[in-house]
């Protein structure tokens, strides 16, 4: 089963949902705002793709963090703590199938090459 994780008002999430709908790809949507993201799921994603791909270092949530907090993010463990506290720093959307991370963010070329 395909799952798309993000927040509904995010532009990249909207683009991904449009692409999935236009290509008739069935998926379940997991809204970070309404449903919490579990530590176990984040740990799994971090093991699969690493904190550098999963951490979104753009946007208002990241920009508002104190410099010392930003500088402290050096590994999966420190990124996990930040993501649990501030889920908006998770790069959106995250597309998975059967628990395997297929894509983070939205890139048309990447989505066009997915085997869904």
PDB file of N, CA and C in Angstrom:
ATOM      1  N   UNK A   1       0.843  -1.183   0.000  1.00  0.00           N
ATOM      2  CA  UNK A   1       0.000   0.000   0.000  1.00  0.00           C
ATOM      3  C   UNK A   1       0.885   1.242   0.000  1.00  0.00           C
ATOM      4  N   UNK A   2       0.547   2.192  -0.839  1.00  0.00           N
ATOM      5  CA  UNK A   2       1.245   3.475  -0.883  1.00  0.00           C
ATOM      6  C   UNK A   2       0.701   4.387   0.198  1.00  0.00           C
ATOM      7  N   UNK A   3       1.598   5.116   0.852  1.00  0.00           N
ATOM      8  CA  UNK A   3       1.200   6.110   1.840  1.00  0.00           C
ATOM      9  C   UNK A   3       1.952   7.397   1.560  1.00  0.00           C
ATOM     10  N   UNK A   4       1.245   8.502   1.682  1.00  0.00           N
ATOM     11  CA  UNK A   4       1.830   9.822   1.501  1.00  0.00           C
ATOM     12  C   UNK A   4       1.699  10.564   2.822  1.00  0.00           C
ATOM     13  N   UNK A   5       2.826  11.042   3.337  1.00  0.00           N
ATOM     14  CA  UNK A   5       2.873  11.738   4.621  1.00  0.00           C
ATOM     15  C   UNK A   5       3.177  13.207   4.393  1.00  0.00           C
ATOM     16  N   UNK A   6       2.439  14.078   5.079  1.00  0.00           N
ATOM     17  CA  UNK A   6       2.681  15.506   4.956  1.00  0.00           C
ATOM     18  C   UNK A   6       1.572  16.300   5.599  1.00  0.00           C
ATOM     19  N   UNK A   7       1.449  17.548   5.182  1.00  0.00           N
ATOM     20  CA  UNK A   7       0.356  18.401   5.648  1.00  0.00           C
ATOM     21  C   UNK A   7      -0.392  18.894   4.412  1.00  0.00           C
ATOM     22  N   UNK A   8      -1.710  18.949   4.494  1.00  0.00           N
ATOM     23  CA  UNK A   8      -2.509  19.203   3.294  1.00  0.00           C
ATOM     24  C   UNK A   8      -2.298  20.562   2.636  1.00  0.00           C
ATOM     25  N   UNK A   9      -1.903  21.579   3.385  1.00  0.00           N
ATOM     26  CA  UNK A   9      -1.761  22.906   2.784  1.00  0.00           C
ATOM     27  C   UNK A   9      -0.362  23.170   2.230  1.00  0.00           C
ATOM     28  N   UNK A  10       0.532  22.198   2.301  1.00  0.00           N
ATOM     29  CA  UNK A  10       1.896  22.330   1.770  1.00  0.00           C
ATOM     30  C   UNK A  10       1.851  22.216   0.245  1.00  0.00           C
ATOM     31  N   UNK A  11       2.496  23.158  -0.445  1.00  0.00           N
ATOM     32  CA  UNK A  11       2.477  23.162  -1.915  1.00  0.00           C
ATOM     33  C   UNK A  11       3.058  21.895  -2.523  1.00  0.00           C
ATOM     34  N   UNK A  12       4.155  21.388  -1.970  1.00  0.00           N
ATOM     35  CA  UNK A  12       4.746  20.181  -2.550  1.00  0.00           C
ATOM     36  C   UNK A  12       3.861  18.961  -2.306  1.00  0.00           C
ATOM     37  N   UNK A  13       3.186  18.934  -1.176  1.00  0.00           N
ATOM     38  CA  UNK A  13       2.242  17.844  -0.902  1.00  0.00           C
ATOM     39  C   UNK A  13       1.078  17.920  -1.895  1.00  0.00           C
ATOM     40  N   UNK A  14       0.589  19.123  -2.145  1.00  0.00           N
ATOM     41  CA  UNK A  14      -0.500  19.289  -3.121  1.00  0.00           C
ATOM     42  C   UNK A  14      -0.074  18.792  -4.499  1.00  0.00           C
ATOM     43  N   UNK A  15       1.148  19.119  -4.914  1.00  0.00           N
ATOM     44  CA  UNK A  15       1.647  18.674  -6.223  1.00  0.00           C
ATOM     45  C   UNK A  15       1.753  17.158  -6.273  1.00  0.00           C
ATOM     46  N   UNK A  16       2.256  16.564  -5.212  1.00  0.00           N
ATOM     47  CA  UNK A  16       2.385  15.105  -5.173  1.00  0.00           C
ATOM     48  C   UNK A  16       1.016  14.440  -5.217  1.00  0.00           C
ATOM     49  N   UNK A  17       0.063  14.967  -4.456  1.00  0.00           N
ATOM     50  CA  UNK A  17      -1.287  14.389  -4.453  1.00  0.00           C
ATOM     51  C   UNK A  17      -1.931  14.522  -5.828  1.00  0.00           C
ATOM     52  N   UNK A  18      -1.732  15.664  -6.482  1.00  0.00           N
ATOM     53  CA  UNK A  18      -2.265  15.850  -7.837  1.00  0.00           C
ATOM     54  C   UNK A  18      -1.657  14.820  -8.781  1.00  0.00           C
ATOM     55  N   UNK A  19      -0.336  14.657  -8.712  1.00  0.00           N
ATOM     56  CA  UNK A  19       0.342  13.691  -9.585  1.00  0.00           C
ATOM     57  C   UNK A  19      -0.201  12.288  -9.346  1.00  0.00           C
ATOM     58  N   UNK A  20      -0.291  11.884  -8.074  1.00  0.00           N
ATOM     59  CA  UNK A  20      -0.780  10.545  -7.749  1.00  0.00           C
ATOM     60  C   UNK A  20      -2.213  10.344  -8.250  1.00  0.00           C
ATOM     61  N   UNK A  21      -3.054  11.343  -8.059  1.00  0.00           N
ATOM     62  CA  UNK A  21      -4.444  11.241  -8.521  1.00  0.00           C
ATOM     63  C   UNK A  21      -4.526  11.175 -10.041  1.00  0.00           C
ATOM     64  N   UNK A  22      -3.752  12.013 -10.729  1.00  0.00           N
ATOM     65  CA  UNK A  22      -3.762  12.018 -12.190  1.00  0.00           C
ATOM     66  C   UNK A  22      -3.256  10.697 -12.772  1.00  0.00           C
ATOM     67  N   UNK A  23      -2.352  10.038 -12.060  1.00  0.00           N
ATOM     68  CA  UNK A  23      -1.811   8.758 -12.518  1.00  0.00           C
ATOM     69  C   UNK A  23      -2.558   7.575 -11.908  1.00  0.00           C
ATOM     70  N   UNK A  24      -3.673   7.875 -11.254  1.00  0.00           N
ATOM     71  CA  UNK A  24      -4.555   6.867 -10.666  1.00  0.00           C
ATOM     72  C   UNK A  24      -3.815   5.908  -9.734  1.00  0.00           C
ATOM     73  N   UNK A  25      -2.918   6.485  -8.942  1.00  0.00           N
ATOM     74  CA  UNK A  25      -2.173   5.714  -7.949  1.00  0.00           C
ATOM     75  C   UNK A  25      -2.945   5.795  -6.637  1.00  0.00           C
ATOM     76  N   UNK A  26      -3.310   4.650  -6.114  1.00  0.00           N
ATOM     77  CA  UNK A  26      -4.027   4.613  -4.839  1.00  0.00           C
ATOM     78  C   UNK A  26      -3.037   4.814  -3.706  1.00  0.00           C
ATOM     79  N   UNK A  27      -3.456   5.621  -2.734  1.00  0.00           N
ATOM     80  CA  UNK A  27      -2.592   5.905  -1.587  1.00  0.00           C
ATOM     81  C   UNK A  27      -3.447   6.337  -0.411  1.00  0.00           C
ATOM     82  N   UNK A  28      -2.903   6.166   0.766  1.00  0.00           N
ATOM     83  CA  UNK A  28      -3.509   6.695   1.984  1.00  0.00           C
ATOM     84  C   UNK A  28      -2.717   7.941   2.356  1.00  0.00           C
ATOM     85  N   UNK A  29      -3.417   8.975   2.801  1.00  0.00           N
ATOM     86  CA  UNK A  29      -2.754  10.214   3.195  1.00  0.00           C
ATOM     87  C   UNK A  29      -2.679  10.285   4.709  1.00  0.00           C
ATOM     88  N   UNK A  30      -1.479  10.556   5.214  1.00  0.00           N
ATOM     89  CA  UNK A  30      -1.244  10.708   6.650  1.00  0.00           C
ATOM     90  C   UNK A  30      -0.916  12.171   6.916  1.00  0.00           C
ATOM     91  N   UNK A  31      -1.816  12.862   7.585  1.00  0.00           N
ATOM     92  CA  UNK A  31      -1.690  14.287   7.874  1.00  0.00           C
ATOM     93  C   UNK A  31      -0.937  14.491   9.192  1.00  0.00           C
ATOM     94  N   UNK A  32       0.269  15.065   9.098  1.00  0.00           N
ATOM     95  CA  UNK A  32       1.066  15.338  10.294  1.00  0.00           C
ATOM     96  C   UNK A  32       0.329  16.214  11.301  1.00  0.00           C
ATOM     97  N   UNK A  33      -0.545  17.091  10.821  1.00  0.00           N
ATOM     98  CA  UNK A  33      -1.247  18.021  11.714  1.00  0.00           C
ATOM     99  C   UNK A  33      -2.310  17.299  12.541  1.00  0.00           C
ATOM    100  N   UNK A  34      -2.966  16.309  11.935  1.00  0.00           N
ATOM    101  CA  UNK A  34      -4.063  15.622  12.625  1.00  0.00           C
ATOM    102  C   UNK A  34      -3.626  14.323  13.282  1.00  0.00           C
ATOM    103  N   UNK A  35      -2.619  13.693  12.708  1.00  0.00           N
ATOM    104  CA  UNK A  35      -2.132  12.423  13.231  1.00  0.00           C
ATOM    105  C   UNK A  35      -0.657  12.600  13.564  1.00  0.00           C
ATOM    106  N   UNK A  36      -0.292  12.238  14.744  1.00  0.00           N
ATOM    107  CA  UNK A  36       1.114  12.367  15.128  1.00  0.00           C
ATOM    108  C   UNK A  36       1.970  11.412  14.298  1.00  0.00           C
ATOM    109  N   UNK A  37       3.226  11.756  14.161  1.00  0.00           N
ATOM    110  CA  UNK A  37       4.177  10.873  13.490  1.00  0.00           C
ATOM    111  C   UNK A  37       4.922  10.131  14.593  1.00  0.00           C
ATOM    112  N   UNK A  38       4.980   8.825  14.496  1.00  0.00           N
ATOM    113  CA  UNK A  38       5.556   8.042  15.588  1.00  0.00           C
ATOM    114  C   UNK A  38       7.077   8.041  15.538  1.00  0.00           C
ATOM    115  N   UNK A  39       7.659   7.908  16.698  1.00  0.00           N
ATOM    116  CA  UNK A  39       9.117   7.816  16.789  1.00  0.00           C
ATOM    117  C   UNK A  39       9.613   6.593  16.028  1.00  0.00           C
ATOM    118  N   UNK A  40       8.896   5.474  16.139  1.00  0.00           N
ATOM    119  CA  UNK A  40       9.318   4.250  15.460  1.00  0.00           C
ATOM    120  C   UNK A  40       9.346   4.445  13.943  1.00  0.00           C
ATOM    121  N   UNK A  41       8.363   5.154  13.405  1.00  0.00           N
ATOM    122  CA  UNK A  41       8.326   5.394  11.963  1.00  0.00           C
ATOM    123  C   UNK A  41       9.485   6.288  11.534  1.00  0.00           C
ATOM    124  N   UNK A  42       9.737   7.348  12.293  1.00  0.00           N
ATOM    125  CA  UNK A  42      10.859   8.229  11.973  1.00  0.00           C
ATOM    126  C   UNK A  42      12.195   7.491  12.051  1.00  0.00           C
ATOM    127  N   UNK A  43      12.365   6.656  13.060  1.00  0.00           N
ATOM    128  CA  UNK A  43      13.596   5.874  13.187  1.00  0.00           C
ATOM    129  C   UNK A  43      13.769   4.989  11.958  1.00  0.00           C
ATOM    130  N   UNK A  44      12.694   4.367  11.518  1.00  0.00           N
ATOM    131  CA  UNK A  44      12.751   3.518  10.326  1.00  0.00           C
ATOM    132  C   UNK A  44      13.157   4.330   9.094  1.00  0.00           C
ATOM    133  N   UNK A  45      12.525   5.480   8.891  1.00  0.00           N
ATOM    134  CA  UNK A  45      12.875   6.329   7.747  1.00  0.00           C
ATOM    135  C   UNK A  45      14.337   6.772   7.814  1.00  0.00           C
ATOM    136  N   UNK A  46      14.777   7.158   8.998  1.00  0.00           N
ATOM    137  CA  UNK A  46      16.167   7.595   9.157  1.00  0.00           C
ATOM    138  C   UNK A  46      17.136   6.459   8.826  1.00  0.00           C
ATOM    139  N   UNK A  47      16.790   5.243   9.212  1.00  0.00           N
ATOM    140  CA  UNK A  47      17.641   4.097   8.879  1.00  0.00           C
ATOM    141  C   UNK A  47      17.664   3.863   7.369  1.00  0.00           C
ATOM    142  N   UNK A  48      16.539   4.116   6.703  1.00  0.00           N
ATOM    143  CA  UNK A  48      16.465   3.895   5.263  1.00  0.00           C
ATOM    144  C   UNK A  48      17.190   4.970   4.453  1.00  0.00           C
ATOM    145  N   UNK A  49      16.978   6.245   4.814  1.00  0.00           N
ATOM    146  CA  UNK A  49      17.473   7.319   3.939  1.00  0.00           C
ATOM    147  C   UNK A  49      18.383   8.338   4.625  1.00  0.00           C
ATOM    148  N   UNK A  50      18.490   8.285   5.942  1.00  0.00           N
ATOM    149  CA  UNK A  50      19.375   9.206   6.652  1.00  0.00           C
ATOM    150  C   UNK A  50      18.758  10.574   6.896  1.00  0.00           C
ATOM    151  N   UNK A  51      19.302  11.241   7.894  1.00  0.00           N
ATOM    152  CA  UNK A  51      18.734  12.521   8.329  1.00  0.00           C
ATOM    153  C   UNK A  51      18.911  13.622   7.296  1.00  0.00           C
ATOM    154  N   UNK A  52      19.966  13.563   6.490  1.00  0.00           N
ATOM    155  CA  UNK A  52      20.209  14.621   5.511  1.00  0.00           C
ATOM    156  C   UNK A  52      19.091  14.698   4.468  1.00  0.00           C
ATOM    157  N   UNK A  53      18.541  13.561   4.066  1.00  0.00           N
ATOM    158  CA  UNK A  53      17.442  13.560   3.086  1.00  0.00           C
ATOM    159  C   UNK A  53      16.095  13.853   3.729  1.00  0.00           C
ATOM    160  N   UNK A  54      15.964  13.554   5.009  1.00  0.00           N
ATOM    161  CA  UNK A  54      14.662  13.683   5.666  1.00  0.00           C
ATOM    162  C   UNK A  54      14.452  15.045   6.325  1.00  0.00           C
ATOM    163  N   UNK A  55      15.520  15.738   6.629  1.00  0.00           N
ATOM    164  CA  UNK A  55      15.413  17.026   7.324  1.00  0.00           C
ATOM    165  C   UNK A  55      15.248  18.164   6.320  1.00  0.00           C
ATOM    166  N   UNK A  56      14.229  18.965   6.531  1.00  0.00           N
ATOM    167  CA  UNK A  56      13.956  20.113   5.669  1.00  0.00           C
ATOM    168  C   UNK A  56      14.578  21.355   6.311  1.00  0.00           C
ATOM    169  N   UNK A  57      15.639  21.852   5.691  1.00  0.00           N
ATOM    170  CA  UNK A  57      16.360  23.006   6.238  1.00  0.00           C
ATOM    171  C   UNK A  57      15.928  24.302   5.564  1.00  0.00           C
ATOM    172  N   UNK A  58      14.729  24.333   5.071  1.00  0.00           N
ATOM    173  CA  UNK A  58      14.155  25.559   4.527  1.00  0.00           C
ATOM    174  C   UNK A  58      12.780  25.733   5.161  1.00  0.00           C
ATOM    175  N   UNK A  59      12.288  26.908   5.109  1.00  0.00           N
ATOM    176  CA  UNK A  59      10.955  27.154   5.644  1.00  0.00           C
ATOM    177  C   UNK A  59      10.988  27.809   7.000  1.00  0.00           C
ATOM    178  N   UNK A  60       9.842  28.283   7.425  1.00  0.00           N
ATOM    179  CA  UNK A  60       9.767  29.079   8.651  1.00  0.00           C
ATOM    180  C   UNK A  60      10.129  28.326   9.920  1.00  0.00           C
ATOM    181  N   UNK A  61       9.778  27.052  10.018  1.00  0.00           N
ATOM    182  CA  UNK A  61      10.083  26.323  11.257  1.00  0.00           C
ATOM    183  C   UNK A  61      11.587  26.232  11.463  1.00  0.00           C
ATOM    184  N   UNK A  62      12.322  25.828  10.435  1.00  0.00           N
ATOM    185  CA  UNK A  62      13.778  25.738  10.525  1.00  0.00           C
ATOM    186  C   UNK A  62      14.381  27.113  10.761  1.00  0.00           C
ATOM    187  N   UNK A  63      13.917  28.098  10.014  1.00  0.00           N
ATOM    188  CA  UNK A  63      14.489  29.440  10.109  1.00  0.00           C
ATOM    189  C   UNK A  63      14.317  30.058  11.497  1.00  0.00           C
ATOM    190  N   UNK A  64      13.269  29.694  12.200  1.00  0.00           N
ATOM    191  CA  UNK A  64      13.015  30.254  13.533  1.00  0.00           C
ATOM    192  C   UNK A  64      13.818  29.559  14.639  1.00  0.00           C
ATOM    193  N   UNK A  65      14.430  28.432  14.322  1.00  0.00           N
ATOM    194  CA  UNK A  65      15.204  27.728  15.340  1.00  0.00           C
ATOM    195  C   UNK A  65      16.460  28.518  15.695  1.00  0.00           C
ATOM    196  N   UNK A  66      16.849  28.484  16.963  1.00  0.00           N
ATOM    197  CA  UNK A  66      18.096  29.150  17.359  1.00  0.00           C
ATOM    198  C   UNK A  66      19.293  28.515  16.643  1.00  0.00           C
ATOM    199  N   UNK A  67      20.301  29.301  16.381  1.00  0.00           N
ATOM    200  CA  UNK A  67      21.491  28.835  15.670  1.00  0.00           C
ATOM    201  C   UNK A  67      22.129  27.631  16.357  1.00  0.00           C
ATOM    202  N   UNK A  68      22.128  27.632  17.677  1.00  0.00           N
ATOM    203  CA  UNK A  68      22.755  26.511  18.385  1.00  0.00           C
ATOM    204  C   UNK A  68      21.973  25.208  18.196  1.00  0.00           C
ATOM    205  N   UNK A  69      20.657  25.309  18.055  1.00  0.00           N
ATOM    206  CA  UNK A  69      19.856  24.113  17.778  1.00  0.00           C
ATOM    207  C   UNK A  69      20.175  23.592  16.380  1.00  0.00           C
ATOM    208  N   UNK A  70      20.203  24.486  15.410  1.00  0.00           N
ATOM    209  CA  UNK A  70      20.542  24.083  14.034  1.00  0.00           C
ATOM    210  C   UNK A  70      21.916  23.423  13.991  1.00  0.00           C
ATOM    211  N   UNK A  71      22.881  24.021  14.673  1.00  0.00           N
ATOM    212  CA  UNK A  71      24.248  23.496  14.666  1.00  0.00           C
ATOM    213  C   UNK A  71      24.345  22.145  15.367  1.00  0.00           C
ATOM    214  N   UNK A  72      23.420  21.861  16.272  1.00  0.00           N
ATOM    215  CA  UNK A  72      23.468  20.605  17.027  1.00  0.00           C
ATOM    216  C   UNK A  72      22.973  19.402  16.224  1.00  0.00           C
ATOM    217  N   UNK A  73      22.360  19.634  15.086  1.00  0.00           N
ATOM    218  CA  UNK A  73      21.841  18.527  14.274  1.00  0.00           C
ATOM    219  C   UNK A  73      22.997  17.953  13.455  1.00  0.00           C
ATOM    220  N   UNK A  74      23.529  16.839  13.934  1.00  0.00           N
ATOM    221  CA  UNK A  74      24.725  16.247  13.338  1.00  0.00           C
ATOM    222  C   UNK A  74      24.565  14.778  12.963  1.00  0.00           C
ATOM    223  N   UNK A  75      23.459  14.168  13.376  1.00  0.00           N
ATOM    224  CA  UNK A  75      23.290  12.738  13.133  1.00  0.00           C
ATOM    225  C   UNK A  75      21.808  12.371  13.221  1.00  0.00           C
ATOM    226  N   UNK A  76      21.531  11.097  13.000  1.00  0.00           N
ATOM    227  CA  UNK A  76      20.137  10.638  13.036  1.00  0.00           C
ATOM    228  C   UNK A  76      19.475  10.912  14.385  1.00  0.00           C
ATOM    229  N   UNK A  77      20.202  10.696  15.465  1.00  0.00           N
ATOM    230  CA  UNK A  77      19.627  10.865  16.806  1.00  0.00           C
ATOM    231  C   UNK A  77      19.216  12.308  17.071  1.00  0.00           C
ATOM    232  N   UNK A  78      20.097  13.252  16.742  1.00  0.00           N
ATOM    233  CA  UNK A  78      19.759  14.659  16.991  1.00  0.00           C
ATOM    234  C   UNK A  78      18.650  15.128  16.052  1.00  0.00           C
ATOM    235  N   UNK A  79      18.644  14.631  14.813  1.00  0.00           N
ATOM    236  CA  UNK A  79      17.575  14.983  13.875  1.00  0.00           C
ATOM    237  C   UNK A  79      16.244  14.396  14.341  1.00  0.00           C
ATOM    238  N   UNK A  80      16.269  13.184  14.859  1.00  0.00           N
ATOM    239  CA  UNK A  80      15.054  12.545  15.364  1.00  0.00           C
ATOM    240  C   UNK A  80      14.420  13.373  16.471  1.00  0.00           C
ATOM    241  N   UNK A  81      15.222  13.808  17.420  1.00  0.00           N
ATOM    242  CA  UNK A  81      14.706  14.620  18.520  1.00  0.00           C
ATOM    243  C   UNK A  81      14.039  15.884  17.985  1.00  0.00           C
ATOM    244  N   UNK A  82      14.693  16.542  17.042  1.00  0.00           N
ATOM    245  CA  UNK A  82      14.130  17.759  16.459  1.00  0.00           C
ATOM    246  C   UNK A  82      12.829  17.466  15.706  1.00  0.00           C
ATOM    247  N   UNK A  83      12.799  16.397  14.918  1.00  0.00           N
ATOM    248  CA  UNK A  83      11.616  16.066  14.126  1.00  0.00           C
ATOM    249  C   UNK A  83      10.419  15.695  15.002  1.00  0.00           C
ATOM    250  N   UNK A  84      10.687  15.054  16.118  1.00  0.00           N
ATOM    251  CA  UNK A  84       9.590  14.721  17.033  1.00  0.00           C
ATOM    252  C   UNK A  84       9.016  15.975  17.686  1.00  0.00           C
ATOM    253  N   UNK A  85       9.881  16.935  17.955  1.00  0.00           N
ATOM    254  CA  UNK A  85       9.451  18.190  18.574  1.00  0.00           C
ATOM    255  C   UNK A  85       8.815  19.132  17.553  1.00  0.00           C
ATOM    256  N   UNK A  86       9.377  19.156  16.348  1.00  0.00           N
ATOM    257  CA  UNK A  86       8.929  20.066  15.283  1.00  0.00           C
ATOM    258  C   UNK A  86       8.716  19.274  13.988  1.00  0.00           C
ATOM    259  N   UNK A  87       7.571  18.580  13.849  1.00  0.00           N
ATOM    260  CA  UNK A  87       7.348  17.751  12.654  1.00  0.00           C
ATOM    261  C   UNK A  87       7.424  18.530  11.337  1.00  0.00           C
ATOM    262  N   UNK A  88       7.261  19.848  11.381  1.00  0.00           N
ATOM    263  CA  UNK A  88       7.338  20.630  10.143  1.00  0.00           C
ATOM    264  C   UNK A  88       8.741  20.671   9.544  1.00  0.00           C
ATOM    265  N   UNK A  89       9.755  20.184  10.259  1.00  0.00           N
ATOM    266  CA  UNK A  89      11.091  20.123   9.675  1.00  0.00           C
ATOM    267  C   UNK A  89      11.328  18.817   8.921  1.00  0.00           C
ATOM    268  N   UNK A  90      10.321  17.962   8.865  1.00  0.00           N
ATOM    269  CA  UNK A  90      10.415  16.750   8.054  1.00  0.00           C
ATOM    270  C   UNK A  90      10.118  17.148   6.613  1.00  0.00           C
ATOM    271  N   UNK A  91      10.999  16.762   5.707  1.00  0.00           N
ATOM    272  CA  UNK A  91      10.810  17.104   4.301  1.00  0.00           C
ATOM    273  C   UNK A  91       9.518  16.458   3.806  1.00  0.00           C
ATOM    274  N   UNK A  92       8.704  17.264   3.142  1.00  0.00           N
ATOM    275  CA  UNK A  92       7.393  16.804   2.707  1.00  0.00           C
ATOM    276  C   UNK A  92       7.276  16.859   1.190  1.00  0.00           C
ATOM    277  N   UNK A  93       6.458  15.965   0.696  1.00  0.00           N
ATOM    278  CA  UNK A  93       5.876  14.790   1.341  1.00  0.00           C
ATOM    279  C   UNK A  93       6.872  13.642   1.392  1.00  0.00           C
ATOM    280  N   UNK A  94       6.543  12.659   2.205  1.00  0.00           N
ATOM    281  CA  UNK A  94       7.276  11.399   2.202  1.00  0.00           C
ATOM    282  C   UNK A  94       6.334  10.369   1.602  1.00  0.00           C
ATOM    283  N   UNK A  95       6.769   9.722   0.539  1.00  0.00           N
ATOM    284  CA  UNK A  95       5.973   8.700  -0.137  1.00  0.00           C
ATOM    285  C   UNK A  95       6.580   7.342   0.166  1.00  0.00           C
ATOM    286  N   UNK A  96       5.761   6.436   0.678  1.00  0.00           N
ATOM    287  CA  UNK A  96       6.235   5.093   1.001  1.00  0.00           C
ATOM    288  C   UNK A  96       5.336   4.048   0.345  1.00  0.00           C
ATOM    289  N   UNK A  97       5.907   2.872   0.185  1.00  0.00           N
ATOM    290  CA  UNK A  97       5.104   1.706  -0.203  1.00  0.00           C
ATOM    291  C   UNK A  97       5.553   0.550   0.671  1.00  0.00           C
ATOM    292  N   UNK A  98       4.570  -0.011   1.368  1.00  0.00           N
ATOM    293  CA  UNK A  98       4.843  -1.128   2.270  1.00  0.00           C
ATOM    294  C   UNK A  98       6.017  -0.812   3.207  1.00  0.00           C
ATOM    295  N   UNK A  99       6.070   0.432   3.676  1.00  0.00           N
ATOM    296  CA  UNK A  99       7.081   0.851   4.635  1.00  0.00           C
ATOM    297  C   UNK A  99       8.399   1.312   4.038  1.00  0.00           C
ATOM    298  N   UNK A 100       8.603   1.114   2.745  1.00  0.00           N
ATOM    299  CA  UNK A 100       9.853   1.527   2.104  1.00  0.00           C
ATOM    300  C   UNK A 100       9.703   2.950   1.576  1.00  0.00           C
ATOM    301  N   UNK A 101      10.640   3.832   1.933  1.00  0.00           N
ATOM    302  CA  UNK A 101      10.601   5.211   1.459  1.00  0.00           C
ATOM    303  C   UNK A 101      10.953   5.231  -0.024  1.00  0.00           C
ATOM    304  N   UNK A 102      10.018   5.759  -0.842  1.00  0.00           N
ATOM    305  CA  UNK A 102      10.226   5.864  -2.286  1.00  0.00           C
ATOM    306  C   UNK A 102      10.713   7.248  -2.686  1.00  0.00           C
ATOM    307  N   UNK A 103      10.226   8.291  -1.980  1.00  0.00           N
ATOM    308  CA  UNK A 103      10.579   9.669  -2.339  1.00  0.00           C
ATOM    309  C   UNK A 103      10.347  10.580  -1.149  1.00  0.00           C
ATOM    310  N   UNK A 104      11.181  11.629  -1.076  1.00  0.00           N
ATOM    311  CA  UNK A 104      10.961  12.711  -0.128  1.00  0.00           C
ATOM    312  C   UNK A 104      10.896  13.995  -0.938  1.00  0.00           C
ATOM    313  N   UNK A 105       9.998  14.867  -0.539  1.00  0.00           N
ATOM    314  CA  UNK A 105       9.771  16.058  -1.342  1.00  0.00           C
ATOM    315  C   UNK A 105       9.002  15.675  -2.593  1.00  0.00           C
ATOM    316  N   UNK A 106       8.888  16.613  -3.513  1.00  0.00           N
ATOM    317  CA  UNK A 106       8.222  16.316  -4.775  1.00  0.00           C
ATOM    318  C   UNK A 106       9.093  16.811  -5.914  1.00  0.00           C
ATOM    319  N   UNK A 107       9.451  15.869  -6.774  1.00  0.00           N
ATOM    320  CA  UNK A 107      10.207  16.176  -7.972  1.00  0.00           C
ATOM    321  C   UNK A 107       9.525  15.422  -9.105  1.00  0.00           C
ATOM    322  N   UNK A 108       9.032  16.153 -10.114  1.00  0.00           N
ATOM    323  CA  UNK A 108       8.274  15.544 -11.197  1.00  0.00           C
ATOM    324  C   UNK A 108       9.047  14.412 -11.856  1.00  0.00           C
ATOM    325  N   UNK A 109      10.318  14.611 -12.162  1.00  0.00           N
ATOM    326  CA  UNK A 109      11.107  13.555 -12.809  1.00  0.00           C
ATOM    327  C   UNK A 109      11.205  12.321 -11.934  1.00  0.00           C
ATOM    328  N   UNK A 110      11.404  12.522 -10.649  1.00  0.00           N
ATOM    329  CA  UNK A 110      11.503  11.402  -9.724  1.00  0.00           C
ATOM    330  C   UNK A 110      10.183  10.637  -9.672  1.00  0.00           C
ATOM    331  N   UNK A 111       9.074  11.352  -9.581  1.00  0.00           N
ATOM    332  CA  UNK A 111       7.767  10.707  -9.537  1.00  0.00           C
ATOM    333  C   UNK A 111       7.477   9.973 -10.852  1.00  0.00           C
ATOM    334  N   UNK A 112       7.846  10.582 -11.980  1.00  0.00           N
ATOM    335  CA  UNK A 112       7.623   9.937 -13.269  1.00  0.00           C
ATOM    336  C   UNK A 112       8.390   8.635 -13.398  1.00  0.00           C
ATOM    337  N   UNK A 113       9.492   8.484 -12.658  1.00  0.00           N
ATOM    338  CA  UNK A 113      10.297   7.279 -12.733  1.00  0.00           C
ATOM    339  C   UNK A 113       9.953   6.244 -11.670  1.00  0.00           C
ATOM    340  N   UNK A 114       8.998   6.559 -10.808  1.00  0.00           N
ATOM    341  CA  UNK A 114       8.599   5.607  -9.779  1.00  0.00           C
ATOM    342  C   UNK A 114       7.850   4.436 -10.402  1.00  0.00           C
ATOM    343  N   UNK A 115       8.054   3.271  -9.850  1.00  0.00           N
ATOM    344  CA  UNK A 115       7.312   2.092 -10.290  1.00  0.00           C
ATOM    345  C   UNK A 115       6.178   1.872  -9.309  1.00  0.00           C
ATOM    346  N   UNK A 116       5.070   2.566  -9.555  1.00  0.00           N
ATOM    347  CA  UNK A 116       3.938   2.481  -8.622  1.00  0.00           C
ATOM    348  C   UNK A 116       2.904   1.553  -9.146  1.00  0.00           C
TER     349      UNK A 116
END
